[in-house]
PDB file of all heavy atoms in Angstrom:
ATOM      1  N   GLY A   1      93.340  98.324  96.997  1.00  0.00           N
ATOM      2  CA  GLY A   1      94.145  99.261  96.224  1.00  0.00           C
ATOM      3  C   GLY A   1      93.316  99.989  95.191  1.00  0.00           C
ATOM      4  O   GLY A   1      93.432 101.222  95.029  1.00  0.00           O
ATOM      5  N   LEU A   2      92.458  99.258  94.485  1.00  0.00           N
ATOM      6  CA  LEU A   2      91.566  99.880  93.511  1.00  0.00           C
ATOM      7  C   LEU A   2      90.600 100.848  94.191  1.00  0.00           C
ATOM      8  O   LEU A   2      90.328 101.945  93.685  1.00  0.00           O
ATOM      9  CB  LEU A   2      90.776  98.804  92.759  1.00  0.00           C
ATOM     10  CG  LEU A   2      91.584  97.838  91.885  1.00  0.00           C
ATOM     11  CD1 LEU A   2      90.673  96.738  91.344  1.00  0.00           C
ATOM     12  CD2 LEU A   2      92.263  98.583  90.752  1.00  0.00           C
ATOM     13  N   ALA A   3      90.093 100.428  95.345  1.00  0.00           N
ATOM     14  CA  ALA A   3      89.132 101.263  96.069  1.00  0.00           C
ATOM     15  C   ALA A   3      89.766 102.569  96.542  1.00  0.00           C
ATOM     16  O   ALA A   3      89.180 103.648  96.410  1.00  0.00           O
ATOM     17  CB  ALA A   3      88.564 100.485  97.255  1.00  0.00           C
ATOM     18  N   HIS A   4      90.954 102.475  97.106  1.00  0.00           N
ATOM     19  CA  HIS A   4      91.627 103.682  97.585  1.00  0.00           C
ATOM     20  C   HIS A   4      91.929 104.635  96.428  1.00  0.00           C
ATOM     21  O   HIS A   4      91.755 105.860  96.554  1.00  0.00           O
ATOM     22  CB  HIS A   4      92.920 103.316  98.308  1.00  0.00           C
ATOM     23  CG  HIS A   4      92.717 102.790  99.696  1.00  0.00           C
ATOM     24  ND1 HIS A   4      92.115 103.529 100.700  1.00  0.00           N
ATOM     25  CD2 HIS A   4      93.034 101.586 100.247  1.00  0.00           C
ATOM     26  CE1 HIS A   4      92.071 102.817 101.811  1.00  0.00           C
ATOM     27  NE2 HIS A   4      92.615 101.629 101.562  1.00  0.00           N
ATOM     28  N   ALA A   5      92.362 104.101  95.294  1.00  0.00           N
ATOM     29  CA  ALA A   5      92.670 104.946  94.144  1.00  0.00           C
ATOM     30  C   ALA A   5      91.411 105.650  93.631  1.00  0.00           C
ATOM     31  O   ALA A   5      91.442 106.837  93.288  1.00  0.00           O
ATOM     32  CB  ALA A   5      93.307 104.110  93.033  1.00  0.00           C
ATOM     33  N   THR A   6      90.310 104.920  93.585  1.00  0.00           N
ATOM     34  CA  THR A   6      89.053 105.503  93.123  1.00  0.00           C
ATOM     35  C   THR A   6      88.539 106.542  94.110  1.00  0.00           C
ATOM     36  O   THR A   6      87.966 107.563  93.711  1.00  0.00           O
ATOM     37  CB  THR A   6      87.996 104.409  92.921  1.00  0.00           C
ATOM     38  OG1 THR A   6      88.548 103.365  92.122  1.00  0.00           O
ATOM     39  CG2 THR A   6      86.765 104.958  92.229  1.00  0.00           C
ATOM     40  N   ALA A   7      88.746 106.282  95.395  1.00  0.00           N
ATOM     41  CA  ALA A   7      88.310 107.235  96.414  1.00  0.00           C
ATOM     42  C   ALA A   7      89.018 108.578  96.252  1.00  0.00           C
ATOM     43  O   ALA A   7      88.407 109.644  96.407  1.00  0.00           O
ATOM     44  CB  ALA A   7      88.566 106.670  97.807  1.00  0.00           C
ATOM     45  N   VAL A   8      90.298 108.546  95.926  1.00  0.00           N
ATOM     46  CA  VAL A   8      91.076 109.783  95.775  1.00  0.00           C
ATOM     47  C   VAL A   8      90.522 110.639  94.649  1.00  0.00           C
ATOM     48  O   VAL A   8      90.383 111.858  94.780  1.00  0.00           O
ATOM     49  CB  VAL A   8      92.564 109.449  95.505  1.00  0.00           C
ATOM     50  CG1 VAL A   8      93.335 110.699  95.099  1.00  0.00           C
ATOM     51  CG2 VAL A   8      93.194 108.822  96.740  1.00  0.00           C
ATOM     52  N   THR A   9      90.166 110.003  93.538  1.00  0.00           N
ATOM     53  CA  THR A   9      89.697 110.763  92.377  1.00  0.00           C
ATOM     54  C   THR A   9      88.229 111.162  92.483  1.00  0.00           C
ATOM     55  O   THR A   9      87.789 112.099  91.829  1.00  0.00           O
ATOM     56  CB  THR A   9      89.896 109.944  91.091  1.00  0.00           C
ATOM     57  OG1 THR A   9      89.185 108.692  91.197  1.00  0.00           O
ATOM     58  CG2 THR A   9      91.370 109.655  90.861  1.00  0.00           C
ATOM     59  N   SER A  10      87.471 110.448  93.329  1.00  0.00           N
ATOM     60  CA  SER A  10      86.027 110.714  93.408  1.00  0.00           C
ATOM     61  C   SER A  10      85.630 111.595  94.574  1.00  0.00           C
ATOM     62  O   SER A  10      84.558 112.203  94.564  1.00  0.00           O
ATOM     63  CB  SER A  10      85.259 109.394  93.518  1.00  0.00           C
ATOM     64  OG  SER A  10      85.477 108.799  94.795  1.00  0.00           O
ATOM     65  N   GLY A  11      86.463 111.639  95.592  1.00  0.00           N
ATOM     66  CA  GLY A  11      86.103 112.373  96.795  1.00  0.00           C
ATOM     67  C   GLY A  11      85.202 111.604  97.732  1.00  0.00           C
ATOM     68  O   GLY A  11      84.818 112.096  98.793  1.00  0.00           O
ATOM     69  N   ARG A  12      84.859 110.364  97.381  1.00  0.00           N
ATOM     70  CA  ARG A  12      84.027 109.504  98.241  1.00  0.00           C
ATOM     71  C   ARG A  12      84.956 108.613  99.052  1.00  0.00           C
ATOM     72  O   ARG A  12      85.896 108.030  98.525  1.00  0.00           O
ATOM     73  CB  ARG A  12      83.093 108.658  97.377  1.00  0.00           C
ATOM     74  CG  ARG A  12      82.048 107.880  98.150  1.00  0.00           C
ATOM     75  CD  ARG A  12      81.166 107.091  97.194  1.00  0.00           C
ATOM     76  NE  ARG A  12      80.373 107.969  96.352  1.00  0.00           N
ATOM     77  CZ  ARG A  12      79.169 108.420  96.674  1.00  0.00           C
ATOM     78  NH1 ARG A  12      78.616 108.072  97.832  1.00  0.00           N
ATOM     79  NH2 ARG A  12      78.504 109.209  95.863  1.00  0.00           N
ATOM     80  N   SER A  13      84.719 108.466 100.355  1.00  0.00           N
ATOM     81  CA  SER A  13      85.653 107.739 101.213  1.00  0.00           C
ATOM     82  C   SER A  13      85.414 106.236 101.173  1.00  0.00           C
ATOM     83  O   SER A  13      84.268 105.765 101.144  1.00  0.00           O
ATOM     84  CB  SER A  13      85.546 108.241 102.657  1.00  0.00           C
ATOM     85  OG  SER A  13      84.258 107.981 103.177  1.00  0.00           O
ATOM     86  N   PHE A  14      86.509 105.486 101.160  1.00  0.00           N
ATOM     87  CA  PHE A  14      86.453 104.024 101.208  1.00  0.00           C
ATOM     88  C   PHE A  14      86.404 103.596 102.663  1.00  0.00           C
ATOM     89  O   PHE A  14      87.349 103.805 103.422  1.00  0.00           O
ATOM     90  CB  PHE A  14      87.674 103.430 100.511  1.00  0.00           C
ATOM     91  CG  PHE A  14      87.796 101.941 100.642  1.00  0.00           C
ATOM     92  CD1 PHE A  14      86.735 101.101 100.354  1.00  0.00           C
ATOM     93  CD2 PHE A  14      89.003 101.367 101.049  1.00  0.00           C
ATOM     94  CE1 PHE A  14      86.853  99.721 100.472  1.00  0.00           C
ATOM     95  CE2 PHE A  14      89.133  99.992 101.162  1.00  0.00           C
ATOM     96  CZ  PHE A  14      88.060  99.167 100.876  1.00  0.00           C
ATOM     97  N   ALA A  15      85.269 102.969 103.078  1.00  0.00           N
ATOM     98  CA  ALA A  15      85.075 102.597 104.477  1.00  0.00           C
ATOM     99  C   ALA A  15      85.586 101.207 104.802  1.00  0.00           C
ATOM    100  O   ALA A  15      85.891 100.917 105.958  1.00  0.00           O
ATOM    101  CB  ALA A  15      83.600 102.707 104.861  1.00  0.00           C
ATOM    102  N   GLY A  16      85.689 100.313 103.793  1.00  0.00           N
ATOM    103  CA  GLY A  16      86.225  98.994 104.079  1.00  0.00           C
ATOM    104  C   GLY A  16      85.588  97.882 103.282  1.00  0.00           C
ATOM    105  O   GLY A  16      84.816  98.108 102.336  1.00  0.00           O
ATOM    106  N   ILE A  17      85.903  96.648 103.674  1.00  0.00           N
ATOM    107  CA  ILE A  17      85.444  95.433 103.005  1.00  0.00           C
ATOM    108  C   ILE A  17      84.758  94.534 104.021  1.00  0.00           C
ATOM    109  O   ILE A  17      85.238  94.364 105.140  1.00  0.00           O
ATOM    110  CB  ILE A  17      86.627  94.695 102.346  1.00  0.00           C
ATOM    111  CG1 ILE A  17      87.100  95.461 101.094  1.00  0.00           C
ATOM    112  CG2 ILE A  17      86.266  93.252 101.983  1.00  0.00           C
ATOM    113  CD1 ILE A  17      88.283  94.833 100.394  1.00  0.00           C
ATOM    114  N   ASP A  18      83.615  93.976 103.631  1.00  0.00           N
ATOM    115  CA  ASP A  18      82.982  92.929 104.437  1.00  0.00           C
ATOM    116  C   ASP A  18      83.633  91.613 104.024  1.00  0.00           C
ATOM    117  O   ASP A  18      83.474  91.156 102.884  1.00  0.00           O
ATOM    118  CB  ASP A  18      81.475  92.893 104.184  1.00  0.00           C
ATOM    119  CG  ASP A  18      80.737  91.981 105.159  1.00  0.00           C
ATOM    120  OD1 ASP A  18      81.275  90.899 105.481  1.00  0.00           O
ATOM    121  OD2 ASP A  18      79.622  92.330 105.594  1.00  0.00           O
ATOM    122  N   SER A  19      84.382  91.014 104.943  1.00  0.00           N
ATOM    123  CA  SER A  19      85.167  89.825 104.621  1.00  0.00           C
ATOM    124  C   SER A  19      84.363  88.531 104.638  1.00  0.00           C
ATOM    125  O   SER A  19      84.921  87.445 104.467  1.00  0.00           O
ATOM    126  CB  SER A  19      86.345  89.691 105.597  1.00  0.00           C
ATOM    127  OG  SER A  19      85.872  89.475 106.921  1.00  0.00           O
ATOM    128  N   SER A  20      83.053  88.622 104.824  1.00  0.00           N
ATOM    129  CA  SER A  20      82.223  87.416 104.805  1.00  0.00           C
ATOM    130  C   SER A  20      82.286  86.750 103.434  1.00  0.00           C
ATOM    131  O   SER A  20      82.232  87.437 102.411  1.00  0.00           O
ATOM    132  CB  SER A  20      80.759  87.764 105.097  1.00  0.00           C
ATOM    133  OG  SER A  20      80.616  88.540 106.261  1.00  0.00           O
ATOM    134  N   PRO A  21      82.366  85.421 103.394  1.00  0.00           N
ATOM    135  CA  PRO A  21      82.258  84.719 102.109  1.00  0.00           C
ATOM    136  C   PRO A  21      80.779  84.554 101.768  1.00  0.00           C
ATOM    137  O   PRO A  21      80.197  83.478 101.945  1.00  0.00           O
ATOM    138  CB  PRO A  21      82.934  83.377 102.381  1.00  0.00           C
ATOM    139  CG  PRO A  21      82.688  83.133 103.832  1.00  0.00           C
ATOM    140  CD  PRO A  21      82.625  84.486 104.506  1.00  0.00           C
ATOM    141  N   ALA A  22      80.148  85.619 101.293  1.00  0.00           N
ATOM    142  CA  ALA A  22      78.692  85.641 101.139  1.00  0.00           C
ATOM    143  C   ALA A  22      78.195  84.435 100.343  1.00  0.00           C
ATOM    144  O   ALA A  22      78.772  84.091  99.314  1.00  0.00           O
ATOM    145  CB  ALA A  22      78.267  86.931 100.457  1.00  0.00           C
ATOM    146  N   PRO A  23      77.127  83.785 100.800  1.00  0.00           N
ATOM    147  CA  PRO A  23      76.610  82.604 100.115  1.00  0.00           C
ATOM    148  C   PRO A  23      75.719  82.978  98.939  1.00  0.00           C
ATOM    149  O   PRO A  23      75.170  84.081  98.874  1.00  0.00           O
ATOM    150  CB  PRO A  23      75.790  81.919 101.207  1.00  0.00           C
ATOM    151  CG  PRO A  23      75.259  83.072 102.021  1.00  0.00           C
ATOM    152  CD  PRO A  23      76.362  84.102 102.018  1.00  0.00           C
ATOM    153  N   SER A  24      75.560  82.077  98.000  1.00  0.00           N
ATOM    154  CA  SER A  24      74.539  82.189  96.963  1.00  0.00           C
ATOM    155  C   SER A  24      74.289  80.801  96.409  1.00  0.00           C
ATOM    156  O   SER A  24      75.087  79.874  96.615  1.00  0.00           O
ATOM    157  CB  SER A  24      74.960  83.148  95.840  1.00  0.00           C
ATOM    158  OG  SER A  24      75.755  82.491  94.869  1.00  0.00           O
ATOM    159  N   LYS A  25      73.195  80.652  95.691  1.00  0.00           N
ATOM    160  CA  LYS A  25      72.831  79.343  95.146  1.00  0.00           C
ATOM    161  C   LYS A  25      73.719  78.949  93.971  1.00  0.00           C
ATOM    162  O   LYS A  25      73.639  77.819  93.482  1.00  0.00           O
ATOM    163  CB  LYS A  25      71.365  79.351  94.725  1.00  0.00           C
ATOM    164  CG  LYS A  25      71.024  80.373  93.661  1.00  0.00           C
ATOM    165  CD  LYS A  25      69.527  80.539  93.472  1.00  0.00           C
ATOM    166  CE  LYS A  25      68.877  79.335  92.857  1.00  0.00           C
ATOM    167  NZ  LYS A  25      67.448  79.582  92.529  1.00  0.00           N
ATOM    168  N   ASN A  26      74.575  79.861  93.512  1.00  0.00           N
ATOM    169  CA  ASN A  26      75.390  79.613  92.328  1.00  0.00           C
ATOM    170  C   ASN A  26      76.840  79.246  92.636  1.00  0.00           C
ATOM    171  O   ASN A  26      77.656  79.113  91.718  1.00  0.00           O
ATOM    172  CB  ASN A  26      75.363  80.842  91.414  1.00  0.00           C
ATOM    173  CG  ASN A  26      73.959  81.188  90.963  1.00  0.00           C
ATOM    174  OD1 ASN A  26      73.199  80.320  90.564  1.00  0.00           O
ATOM    175  ND2 ASN A  26      73.601  82.465  91.058  1.00  0.00           N
ATOM    176  N   VAL A  27      77.171  79.127  93.929  1.00  0.00           N
ATOM    177  CA  VAL A  27      78.541  78.775  94.303  1.00  0.00           C
ATOM    178  C   VAL A  27      78.515  77.585  95.259  1.00  0.00           C
ATOM    179  O   VAL A  27      77.452  77.111  95.657  1.00  0.00           O
ATOM    180  CB  VAL A  27      79.275  79.969  94.961  1.00  0.00           C
ATOM    181  CG1 VAL A  27      79.425  81.116  93.978  1.00  0.00           C
ATOM    182  CG2 VAL A  27      78.551  80.436  96.231  1.00  0.00           C
ATOM    183  N   GLN A  28      79.689  77.118  95.641  1.00  0.00           N
ATOM    184  CA  GLN A  28      79.792  76.011  96.582  1.00  0.00           C
ATOM    185  C   GLN A  28      79.103  76.365  97.908  1.00  0.00           C
ATOM    186  O   GLN A  28      79.096  77.512  98.333  1.00  0.00           O
ATOM    187  CB  GLN A  28      81.256  75.693  96.857  1.00  0.00           C
ATOM    188  CG  GLN A  28      81.989  75.081  95.679  1.00  0.00           C
ATOM    189  CD  GLN A  28      81.819  73.573  95.608  1.00  0.00           C
ATOM    190  OE1 GLN A  28      81.137  72.955  96.419  1.00  0.00           O
ATOM    191  NE2 GLN A  28      82.464  72.965  94.624  1.00  0.00           N
ATOM    192  N   SER A  29      78.542  75.355  98.534  1.00  0.00           N
ATOM    193  CA  SER A  29      77.885  75.556  99.818  1.00  0.00           C
ATOM    194  C   SER A  29      78.913  75.667 100.943  1.00  0.00           C
ATOM    195  O   SER A  29      79.944  74.979 100.934  1.00  0.00           O
ATOM    196  CB  SER A  29      76.940  74.391 100.114  1.00  0.00           C
ATOM    197  OG  SER A  29      76.465  74.444 101.444  1.00  0.00           O
ATOM    198  N   MET A  30      78.608  76.517 101.918  1.00  0.00           N
ATOM    199  CA  MET A  30      79.459  76.573 103.103  1.00  0.00           C
ATOM    200  C   MET A  30      79.372  75.270 103.895  1.00  0.00           C
ATOM    201  O   MET A  30      80.249  74.977 104.706  1.00  0.00           O
ATOM    202  CB  MET A  30      79.081  77.765 103.980  1.00  0.00           C
ATOM    203  CG  MET A  30      79.434  79.124 103.378  1.00  0.00           C
ATOM    204  SD  MET A  30      81.188  79.279 102.929  1.00  0.00           S
ATOM    205  CE  MET A  30      81.958  79.154 104.551  1.00  0.00           C
ATOM    206  N   CYS A  31      78.349  74.472 103.651  1.00  0.00           N
ATOM    207  CA  CYS A  31      78.282  73.138 104.271  1.00  0.00           C
ATOM    208  C   CYS A  31      79.456  72.282 103.813  1.00  0.00           C
ATOM    209  O   CYS A  31      80.005  71.486 104.586  1.00  0.00           O
ATOM    210  CB  CYS A  31      76.969  72.450 103.906  1.00  0.00           C
ATOM    211  SG  CYS A  31      75.494  73.235 104.573  1.00  0.00           S
ATOM    212  N   ARG A  32      79.843  72.434 102.559  1.00  0.00           N
ATOM    213  CA  ARG A  32      80.975  71.677 102.033  1.00  0.00           C
ATOM    214  C   ARG A  32      82.261  72.070 102.755  1.00  0.00           C
ATOM    215  O   ARG A  32      83.117  71.218 103.052  1.00  0.00           O
ATOM    216  CB  ARG A  32      81.109  71.940 100.522  1.00  0.00           C
ATOM    217  CG  ARG A  32      82.310  71.279  99.853  1.00  0.00           C
ATOM    218  CD  ARG A  32      82.252  69.777  99.936  1.00  0.00           C
ATOM    219  NE  ARG A  32      83.383  69.157  99.235  1.00  0.00           N
ATOM    220  CZ  ARG A  32      83.891  67.975  99.551  1.00  0.00           C
ATOM    221  NH1 ARG A  32      83.365  67.254 100.536  1.00  0.00           N
ATOM    222  NH2 ARG A  32      84.904  67.484  98.878  1.00  0.00           N
ATOM    223  N   VAL A  33      82.405  73.340 103.061  1.00  0.00           N
ATOM    224  CA  VAL A  33      83.579  73.810 103.803  1.00  0.00           C
ATOM    225  C   VAL A  33      83.620  73.154 105.180  1.00  0.00           C
ATOM    226  O   VAL A  33      84.673  72.678 105.626  1.00  0.00           O
ATOM    227  CB  VAL A  33      83.556  75.348 103.935  1.00  0.00           C
ATOM    228  CG1 VAL A  33      84.728  75.835 104.786  1.00  0.00           C
ATOM    229  CG2 VAL A  33      83.596  76.004 102.554  1.00  0.00           C
ATOM    230  N   ILE A  34      82.482  73.128 105.851  1.00  0.00           N
ATOM    231  CA  ILE A  34      82.393  72.499 107.181  1.00  0.00           C
ATOM    232  C   ILE A  34      82.790  71.028 107.104  1.00  0.00           C
ATOM    233  O   ILE A  34      83.547  70.512 107.942  1.00  0.00           O
ATOM    234  CB  ILE A  34      80.963  72.638 107.743  1.00  0.00           C
ATOM    235  CG1 ILE A  34      80.566  74.114 107.938  1.00  0.00           C
ATOM    236  CG2 ILE A  34      80.820  71.864 109.058  1.00  0.00           C
ATOM    237  CD1 ILE A  34      81.279  74.825 109.023  1.00  0.00           C
ATOM    238  N   GLU A  35      82.296  70.330 106.081  1.00  0.00           N
ATOM    239  CA  GLU A  35      82.602  68.903 105.936  1.00  0.00           C
ATOM    240  C   GLU A  35      84.080  68.663 105.653  1.00  0.00           C
ATOM    241  O   GLU A  35      84.669  67.699 106.152  1.00  0.00           O
ATOM    242  CB  GLU A  35      81.749  68.313 104.817  1.00  0.00           C
ATOM    243  CG  GLU A  35      80.259  68.247 105.159  1.00  0.00           C
ATOM    244  CD  GLU A  35      79.383  68.001 103.950  1.00  0.00           C
ATOM    245  OE1 GLU A  35      79.940  67.904 102.821  1.00  0.00           O
ATOM    246  OE2 GLU A  35      78.156  67.915 104.111  1.00  0.00           O
TER     247      GLU A  35
END
């Protein structure tokens, strides 16, 4: 919703969201999810 609203005012098109739960060393490991 925020992206679409900003796209209207900026003229730049909103192409979408990458739904991956991107990993990093500062969050829970995806290994924990598997377990």
